[in-house]
Amino acid sequence: MARWTLEEAQRRLQLYLDAEETILVGNQEYTVADRTFKRADLGLIRERINFWANEVERLEAENAPGPVFRQTRVRERPFHY
C-alpha cells in the first residue's frame, strides 16, 4: 500500500512550489507543515519539488488504466488496372 495518495502527493508538491515562489519573489521565509525554510534553503526546496513531482508521476502511472486494445477491420479496395 502506498504511503500517501495521489491527492496528498499533489498537495505536497503544490506546497513546495508555493514555498519556492514565495521565497523567490522576495519573502525570506516560508513554512510547510512544521518546517520553516529560508532563502538559503532553496536547494532543499527544489529537492523536495523533484521528489514530489516524481511521486505524483509514479502514482498517476499506478492509477492509469491498463492498455487499451482496439479491434480494427481492414477493408480491401478493388484493384484497378
PDB file of N, CA and C in Angstrom:
ATOM      1  N   MET A   1       0.837  -1.180   0.000  1.00  0.00           N
ATOM      2  CA  MET A   1       0.000   0.000   0.000  1.00  0.00           C
ATOM      3  C   MET A   1       0.885   1.247   0.000  1.00  0.00           C
ATOM      4  N   ALA A   2       0.446   2.240  -0.745  1.00  0.00           N
ATOM      5  CA  ALA A   2       1.216   3.479  -0.851  1.00  0.00           C
ATOM      6  C   ALA A   2       1.215   4.231   0.474  1.00  0.00           C
ATOM      7  N   ARG A   3       2.294   4.966   0.693  1.00  0.00           N
ATOM      8  CA  ARG A   3       2.395   5.752   1.930  1.00  0.00           C
ATOM      9  C   ARG A   3       1.498   6.970   1.879  1.00  0.00           C
ATOM     10  N   TRP A   4       1.150   7.423   0.677  1.00  0.00           N
ATOM     11  CA  TRP A   4       0.267   8.581   0.512  1.00  0.00           C
ATOM     12  C   TRP A   4      -0.508   8.403  -0.777  1.00  0.00           C
ATOM     13  N   THR A   5      -1.601   9.118  -0.864  1.00  0.00           N
ATOM     14  CA  THR A   5      -2.431   9.046  -2.053  1.00  0.00           C
ATOM     15  C   THR A   5      -1.910  10.020  -3.101  1.00  0.00           C
ATOM     16  N   LEU A   6      -2.417   9.884  -4.307  1.00  0.00           N
ATOM     17  CA  LEU A   6      -2.068  10.814  -5.368  1.00  0.00           C
ATOM     18  C   LEU A   6      -2.435  12.237  -4.971  1.00  0.00           C
ATOM     19  N   GLU A   7      -3.606  12.409  -4.380  1.00  0.00           N
ATOM     20  CA  GLU A   7      -4.051  13.738  -3.975  1.00  0.00           C
ATOM     21  C   GLU A   7      -3.128  14.342  -2.918  1.00  0.00           C
ATOM     22  N   GLU A   8      -2.684  13.526  -1.970  1.00  0.00           N
ATOM     23  CA  GLU A   8      -1.758  14.007  -0.945  1.00  0.00           C
ATOM     24  C   GLU A   8      -0.422  14.414  -1.572  1.00  0.00           C
ATOM     25  N   ALA A   9       0.065  13.616  -2.506  1.00  0.00           N
ATOM     26  CA  ALA A   9       1.329  13.935  -3.172  1.00  0.00           C
ATOM     27  C   ALA A   9       1.199  15.212  -3.996  1.00  0.00           C
ATOM     28  N   GLN A  10       0.080  15.375  -4.685  1.00  0.00           N
ATOM     29  CA  GLN A  10      -0.140  16.593  -5.472  1.00  0.00           C
ATOM     30  C   GLN A  10      -0.201  17.816  -4.564  1.00  0.00           C
ATOM     31  N   ARG A  11      -0.864  17.675  -3.430  1.00  0.00           N
ATOM     32  CA  ARG A  11      -0.972  18.784  -2.476  1.00  0.00           C
ATOM     33  C   ARG A  11       0.404  19.162  -1.932  1.00  0.00           C
ATOM     34  N   ARG A  12       1.193  18.151  -1.572  1.00  0.00           N
ATOM     35  CA  ARG A  12       2.530  18.412  -1.034  1.00  0.00           C
ATOM     36  C   ARG A  12       3.419  19.070  -2.091  1.00  0.00           C
ATOM     37  N   LEU A  13       3.334  18.591  -3.330  1.00  0.00           N
ATOM     38  CA  LEU A  13       4.090  19.214  -4.418  1.00  0.00           C
ATOM     39  C   LEU A  13       3.702  20.683  -4.549  1.00  0.00           C
ATOM     40  N   GLN A  14       2.415  20.971  -4.508  1.00  0.00           N
ATOM     41  CA  GLN A  14       1.963  22.356  -4.642  1.00  0.00           C
ATOM     42  C   GLN A  14       2.479  23.223  -3.492  1.00  0.00           C
ATOM     43  N   LEU A  15       2.524  22.677  -2.289  1.00  0.00           N
ATOM     44  CA  LEU A  15       3.053  23.437  -1.150  1.00  0.00           C
ATOM     45  C   LEU A  15       4.511  23.831  -1.375  1.00  0.00           C
ATOM     46  N   TYR A  16       5.307  22.902  -1.876  1.00  0.00           N
ATOM     47  CA  TYR A  16       6.715  23.216  -2.118  1.00  0.00           C
ATOM     48  C   TYR A  16       6.890  24.179  -3.292  1.00  0.00           C
ATOM     49  N   LEU A  17       6.039  24.069  -4.303  1.00  0.00           N
ATOM     50  CA  LEU A  17       6.087  25.036  -5.402  1.00  0.00           C
ATOM     51  C   LEU A  17       5.722  26.433  -4.895  1.00  0.00           C
ATOM     52  N   ASP A  18       4.715  26.500  -4.030  1.00  0.00           N
ATOM     53  CA  ASP A  18       4.335  27.785  -3.426  1.00  0.00           C
ATOM     54  C   ASP A  18       5.465  28.348  -2.575  1.00  0.00           C
ATOM     55  N   ALA A  19       6.142  27.477  -1.825  1.00  0.00           N
ATOM     56  CA  ALA A  19       7.263  27.917  -0.984  1.00  0.00           C
ATOM     57  C   ALA A  19       8.362  28.510  -1.846  1.00  0.00           C
ATOM     58  N   GLU A  20       8.696  27.825  -2.934  1.00  0.00           N
ATOM     59  CA  GLU A  20       9.744  28.326  -3.825  1.00  0.00           C
ATOM     60  C   GLU A  20       9.356  29.692  -4.393  1.00  0.00           C
ATOM     61  N   GLU A  21       8.137  29.812  -4.870  1.00  0.00           N
ATOM     62  CA  GLU A  21       7.695  31.081  -5.453  1.00  0.00           C
ATOM     63  C   GLU A  21       7.709  32.209  -4.421  1.00  0.00           C
ATOM     64  N   THR A  22       7.219  31.924  -3.223  1.00  0.00           N
ATOM     65  CA  THR A  22       7.177  32.950  -2.178  1.00  0.00           C
ATOM     66  C   THR A  22       8.572  33.457  -1.849  1.00  0.00           C
ATOM     67  N   ILE A  23       9.514  32.540  -1.719  1.00  0.00           N
ATOM     68  CA  ILE A  23      10.882  32.944  -1.404  1.00  0.00           C
ATOM     69  C   ILE A  23      11.503  33.712  -2.565  1.00  0.00           C
ATOM     70  N   LEU A  24      11.242  33.273  -3.795  1.00  0.00           N
ATOM     71  CA  LEU A  24      11.848  33.928  -4.961  1.00  0.00           C
ATOM     72  C   LEU A  24      11.325  35.342  -5.195  1.00  0.00           C
ATOM     73  N   VAL A  25      10.066  35.606  -4.834  1.00  0.00           N
ATOM     74  CA  VAL A  25       9.522  36.947  -5.090  1.00  0.00           C
ATOM     75  C   VAL A  25       9.823  37.924  -3.967  1.00  0.00           C
ATOM     76  N   GLY A  26      10.593  37.516  -2.980  1.00  0.00           N
ATOM     77  CA  GLY A  26      11.050  38.486  -2.010  1.00  0.00           C
ATOM     78  C   GLY A  26      10.856  38.139  -0.555  1.00  0.00           C
ATOM     79  N   ASN A  27       9.905  37.301  -0.229  1.00  0.00           N
ATOM     80  CA  ASN A  27       9.789  36.906   1.176  1.00  0.00           C
ATOM     81  C   ASN A  27      10.969  36.019   1.517  1.00  0.00           C
ATOM     82  N   GLN A  28      11.495  36.194   2.686  1.00  0.00           N
ATOM     83  CA  GLN A  28      12.708  35.481   3.048  1.00  0.00           C
ATOM     84  C   GLN A  28      12.463  34.109   3.662  1.00  0.00           C
ATOM     85  N   GLU A  29      11.223  33.825   4.051  1.00  0.00           N
ATOM     86  CA  GLU A  29      10.961  32.502   4.615  1.00  0.00           C
ATOM     87  C   GLU A  29       9.537  32.071   4.346  1.00  0.00           C
ATOM     88  N   TYR A  30       9.347  30.747   4.465  1.00  0.00           N
ATOM     89  CA  TYR A  30       8.049  30.148   4.185  1.00  0.00           C
ATOM     90  C   TYR A  30       7.936  28.886   5.027  1.00  0.00           C
ATOM     91  N   THR A  31       6.741  28.600   5.511  1.00  0.00           N
ATOM     92  CA  THR A  31       6.554  27.417   6.347  1.00  0.00           C
ATOM     93  C   THR A  31       5.706  26.376   5.617  1.00  0.00           C
ATOM     94  N   VAL A  32       6.195  25.133   5.614  1.00  0.00           N
ATOM     95  CA  VAL A  32       5.470  23.976   5.092  1.00  0.00           C
ATOM     96  C   VAL A  32       5.362  22.990   6.236  1.00  0.00           C
ATOM     97  N   ALA A  33       4.141  22.648   6.581  1.00  0.00           N
ATOM     98  CA  ALA A  33       3.887  21.754   7.717  1.00  0.00           C
ATOM     99  C   ALA A  33       4.551  22.349   8.958  1.00  0.00           C
ATOM    100  N   ASP A  34       5.491  21.643   9.543  1.00  0.00           N
ATOM    101  CA  ASP A  34       6.114  22.118  10.782  1.00  0.00           C
ATOM    102  C   ASP A  34       7.523  22.660  10.552  1.00  0.00           C
ATOM    103  N   ARG A  35       7.877  22.926   9.287  1.00  0.00           N
ATOM    104  CA  ARG A  35       9.234  23.357   8.962  1.00  0.00           C
ATOM    105  C   ARG A  35       9.239  24.724   8.313  1.00  0.00           C
ATOM    106  N   THR A  36      10.128  25.588   8.734  1.00  0.00           N
ATOM    107  CA  THR A  36      10.283  26.914   8.135  1.00  0.00           C
ATOM    108  C   THR A  36      11.546  26.924   7.287  1.00  0.00           C
ATOM    109  N   PHE A  37      11.398  27.361   6.034  1.00  0.00           N
ATOM    110  CA  PHE A  37      12.517  27.427   5.106  1.00  0.00           C
ATOM    111  C   PHE A  37      12.898  28.875   4.876  1.00  0.00           C
ATOM    112  N   LYS A  38      14.174  29.115   4.742  1.00  0.00           N
ATOM    113  CA  LYS A  38      14.680  30.453   4.456  1.00  0.00           C
ATOM    114  C   LYS A  38      15.241  30.474   3.036  1.00  0.00           C
ATOM    115  N   ARG A  39      15.557  31.650   2.547  1.00  0.00           N
ATOM    116  CA  ARG A  39      16.054  31.792   1.180  1.00  0.00           C
ATOM    117  C   ARG A  39      17.231  30.843   0.920  1.00  0.00           C
ATOM    118  N   ALA A  40      18.059  30.654   1.909  1.00  0.00           N
ATOM    119  CA  ALA A  40      19.216  29.774   1.743  1.00  0.00           C
ATOM    120  C   ALA A  40      18.811  28.315   1.551  1.00  0.00           C
ATOM    121  N   ASP A  41      17.556  27.976   1.838  1.00  0.00           N
ATOM    122  CA  ASP A  41      17.084  26.592   1.722  1.00  0.00           C
ATOM    123  C   ASP A  41      16.474  26.285   0.351  1.00  0.00           C
ATOM    124  N   LEU A  42      16.665  27.153  -0.637  1.00  0.00           N
ATOM    125  CA  LEU A  42      16.074  26.905  -1.955  1.00  0.00           C
ATOM    126  C   LEU A  42      16.512  25.576  -2.547  1.00  0.00           C
ATOM    127  N   GLY A  43      17.745  25.183  -2.325  1.00  0.00           N
ATOM    128  CA  GLY A  43      18.221  23.893  -2.835  1.00  0.00           C
ATOM    129  C   GLY A  43      17.414  22.744  -2.263  1.00  0.00           C
ATOM    130  N   LEU A  44      17.156  22.787  -0.967  1.00  0.00           N
ATOM    131  CA  LEU A  44      16.360  21.747  -0.320  1.00  0.00           C
ATOM    132  C   LEU A  44      14.925  21.765  -0.828  1.00  0.00           C
ATOM    133  N   ILE A  45      14.375  22.952  -0.994  1.00  0.00           N
ATOM    134  CA  ILE A  45      13.001  23.057  -1.511  1.00  0.00           C
ATOM    135  C   ILE A  45      12.931  22.446  -2.905  1.00  0.00           C
ATOM    136  N   ARG A  46      13.916  22.725  -3.736  1.00  0.00           N
ATOM    137  CA  ARG A  46      13.911  22.170  -5.091  1.00  0.00           C
ATOM    138  C   ARG A  46      14.092  20.657  -5.086  1.00  0.00           C
ATOM    139  N   GLU A  47      14.847  20.126  -4.142  1.00  0.00           N
ATOM    140  CA  GLU A  47      14.950  18.666  -3.998  1.00  0.00           C
ATOM    141  C   GLU A  47      13.583  18.070  -3.679  1.00  0.00           C
ATOM    142  N   ARG A  48      12.865  18.723  -2.773  1.00  0.00           N
ATOM    143  CA  ARG A  48      11.533  18.234  -2.397  1.00  0.00           C
ATOM    144  C   ARG A  48      10.546  18.367  -3.558  1.00  0.00           C
ATOM    145  N   ILE A  49      10.688  19.427  -4.355  1.00  0.00           N
ATOM    146  CA  ILE A  49       9.839  19.572  -5.544  1.00  0.00           C
ATOM    147  C   ILE A  49      10.084  18.398  -6.484  1.00  0.00           C
ATOM    148  N   ASN A  50      11.352  18.068  -6.713  1.00  0.00           N
ATOM    149  CA  ASN A  50      11.675  16.930  -7.584  1.00  0.00           C
ATOM    150  C   ASN A  50      11.135  15.633  -7.017  1.00  0.00           C
ATOM    151  N   PHE A  51      11.282  15.436  -5.710  1.00  0.00           N
ATOM    152  CA  PHE A  51      10.779  14.220  -5.076  1.00  0.00           C
ATOM    153  C   PHE A  51       9.272  14.093  -5.271  1.00  0.00           C
ATOM    154  N   TRP A  52       8.525  15.162  -4.934  1.00  0.00           N
ATOM    155  CA  TRP A  52       7.068  15.090  -5.018  1.00  0.00           C
ATOM    156  C   TRP A  52       6.580  15.028  -6.457  1.00  0.00           C
ATOM    157  N   ALA A  53       7.283  15.671  -7.377  1.00  0.00           N
ATOM    158  CA  ALA A  53       6.902  15.571  -8.795  1.00  0.00           C
ATOM    159  C   ALA A  53       7.051  14.126  -9.272  1.00  0.00           C
ATOM    160  N   ASN A  54       8.128  13.462  -8.856  1.00  0.00           N
ATOM    161  CA  ASN A  54       8.321  12.048  -9.207  1.00  0.00           C
ATOM    162  C   ASN A  54       7.261  11.165  -8.564  1.00  0.00           C
ATOM    163  N   GLU A  55       6.906  11.464  -7.322  1.00  0.00           N
ATOM    164  CA  GLU A  55       5.863  10.687  -6.649  1.00  0.00           C
ATOM    165  C   GLU A  55       4.513  10.845  -7.346  1.00  0.00           C
ATOM    166  N   VAL A  56       4.182  12.075  -7.733  1.00  0.00           N
ATOM    167  CA  VAL A  56       2.925  12.310  -8.451  1.00  0.00           C
ATOM    168  C   VAL A  56       2.924  11.524  -9.755  1.00  0.00           C
ATOM    169  N   GLU A  57       4.033  11.585 -10.481  1.00  0.00           N
ATOM    170  CA  GLU A  57       4.131  10.852 -11.745  1.00  0.00           C
ATOM    171  C   GLU A  57       3.975   9.350 -11.525  1.00  0.00           C
ATOM    172  N   ARG A  58       4.633   8.828 -10.493  1.00  0.00           N
ATOM    173  CA  ARG A  58       4.558   7.391 -10.200  1.00  0.00           C
ATOM    174  C   ARG A  58       3.133   6.977  -9.839  1.00  0.00           C
ATOM    175  N   LEU A  59       2.489   7.764  -8.980  1.00  0.00           N
ATOM    176  CA  LEU A  59       1.129   7.429  -8.558  1.00  0.00           C
ATOM    177  C   LEU A  59       0.138   7.567  -9.711  1.00  0.00           C
ATOM    178  N   GLU A  60       0.339   8.549 -10.586  1.00  0.00           N
ATOM    179  CA  GLU A  60      -0.529   8.668 -11.757  1.00  0.00           C
ATOM    180  C   GLU A  60      -0.383   7.446 -12.656  1.00  0.00           C
ATOM    181  N   ALA A  61       0.851   6.963 -12.810  1.00  0.00           N
ATOM    182  CA  ALA A  61       1.083   5.773 -13.631  1.00  0.00           C
ATOM    183  C   ALA A  61       0.433   4.539 -13.004  1.00  0.00           C
ATOM    184  N   GLU A  62       0.498   4.436 -11.672  1.00  0.00           N
ATOM    185  CA  GLU A  62      -0.138   3.307 -10.988  1.00  0.00           C
ATOM    186  C   GLU A  62      -1.650   3.330 -11.150  1.00  0.00           C
ATOM    187  N   ASN A  63      -2.220   4.531 -11.178  1.00  0.00           N
ATOM    188  CA  ASN A  63      -3.669   4.674 -11.269  1.00  0.00           C
ATOM    189  C   ASN A  63      -4.180   4.680 -12.698  1.00  0.00           C
ATOM    190  N   ALA A  64      -3.267   4.717 -13.664  1.00  0.00           N
ATOM    191  CA  ALA A  64      -3.682   4.742 -15.066  1.00  0.00           C
ATOM    192  C   ALA A  64      -4.295   3.399 -15.443  1.00  0.00           C
ATOM    193  N   PRO A  65      -5.295   3.431 -16.310  1.00  0.00           N
ATOM    194  CA  PRO A  65      -5.872   2.162 -16.753  1.00  0.00           C
ATOM    195  C   PRO A  65      -4.856   1.380 -17.561  1.00  0.00           C
ATOM    196  N   GLY A  66      -5.057   0.101 -17.631  1.00  0.00           N
ATOM    197  CA  GLY A  66      -4.162  -0.757 -18.401  1.00  0.00           C
ATOM    198  C   GLY A  66      -4.239  -0.432 -19.876  1.00  0.00           C
ATOM    199  N   PRO A  67      -3.508  -1.185 -20.688  1.00  0.00           N
ATOM    200  CA  PRO A  67      -3.519  -0.906 -22.119  1.00  0.00           C
ATOM    201  C   PRO A  67      -4.909  -1.088 -22.712  1.00  0.00           C
ATOM    202  N   VAL A  68      -5.191  -0.268 -23.689  1.00  0.00           N
ATOM    203  CA  VAL A  68      -6.481  -0.346 -24.368  1.00  0.00           C
ATOM    204  C   VAL A  68      -6.254  -1.019 -25.707  1.00  0.00           C
ATOM    205  N   PHE A  69      -7.009  -2.070 -25.974  1.00  0.00           N
ATOM    206  CA  PHE A  69      -6.904  -2.786 -27.235  1.00  0.00           C
ATOM    207  C   PHE A  69      -8.120  -2.454 -28.074  1.00  0.00           C
ATOM    208  N   ARG A  70      -7.867  -2.127 -29.320  1.00  0.00           N
ATOM    209  CA  ARG A  70      -8.961  -1.816 -30.226  1.00  0.00           C
ATOM    210  C   ARG A  70      -8.918  -2.782 -31.382  1.00  0.00           C
ATOM    211  N   GLN A  71     -10.089  -3.229 -31.779  1.00  0.00           N
ATOM    212  CA  GLN A  71     -10.171  -4.125 -32.911  1.00  0.00           C
ATOM    213  C   GLN A  71     -10.446  -3.287 -34.158  1.00  0.00           C
ATOM    214  N   THR A  72      -9.676  -3.531 -35.185  1.00  0.00           N
ATOM    215  CA  THR A  72      -9.885  -2.809 -36.433  1.00  0.00           C
ATOM    216  C   THR A  72     -10.183  -3.799 -37.539  1.00  0.00           C
ATOM    217  N   ARG A  73     -10.806  -3.306 -38.552  1.00  0.00           N
ATOM    218  CA  ARG A  73     -11.150  -4.155 -39.682  1.00  0.00           C
ATOM    219  C   ARG A  73     -10.606  -3.501 -40.940  1.00  0.00           C
ATOM    220  N   VAL A  74      -9.831  -4.248 -41.679  1.00  0.00           N
ATOM    221  CA  VAL A  74      -9.257  -3.734 -42.913  1.00  0.00           C
ATOM    222  C   VAL A  74     -10.173  -4.107 -44.060  1.00  0.00           C
ATOM    223  N   ARG A  75     -10.590  -3.102 -44.807  1.00  0.00           N
ATOM    224  CA  ARG A  75     -11.437  -3.366 -45.971  1.00  0.00           C
ATOM    225  C   ARG A  75     -10.570  -3.303 -47.213  1.00  0.00           C
ATOM    226  N   GLU A  76     -10.683  -4.313 -48.019  1.00  0.00           N
ATOM    227  CA  GLU A  76      -9.902  -4.326 -49.247  1.00  0.00           C
ATOM    228  C   GLU A  76     -10.572  -3.441 -50.284  1.00  0.00           C
ATOM    229  N   ARG A  77      -9.732  -2.731 -51.005  1.00  0.00           N
ATOM    230  CA  ARG A  77     -10.244  -1.906 -52.096  1.00  0.00           C
ATOM    231  C   ARG A  77     -10.035  -2.665 -53.396  1.00  0.00           C
ATOM    232  N   PRO A  78     -10.944  -2.569 -54.314  1.00  0.00           N
ATOM    233  CA  PRO A  78     -10.768  -3.286 -55.586  1.00  0.00           C
ATOM    234  C   PRO A  78      -9.529  -2.762 -56.322  1.00  0.00           C
ATOM    235  N   PHE A  79      -8.854  -3.666 -56.946  1.00  0.00           N
ATOM    236  CA  PHE A  79      -7.643  -3.330 -57.681  1.00  0.00           C
ATOM    237  C   PHE A  79      -8.036  -2.962 -59.111  1.00  0.00           C
ATOM    238  N   HIS A  80      -7.617  -1.809 -59.603  1.00  0.00           N
ATOM    239  CA  HIS A  80      -7.917  -1.367 -60.961  1.00  0.00           C
ATOM    240  C   HIS A  80      -6.631  -1.293 -61.766  1.00  0.00           C
ATOM    241  N   TYR A  81      -6.717  -1.814 -63.016  1.00  0.00           N
ATOM    242  CA  TYR A  81      -5.569  -1.754 -63.921  1.00  0.00           C
ATOM    243  C   TYR A  81      -5.560  -0.465 -64.673  1.00  0.00           C
TER     244      TYR A  81
END
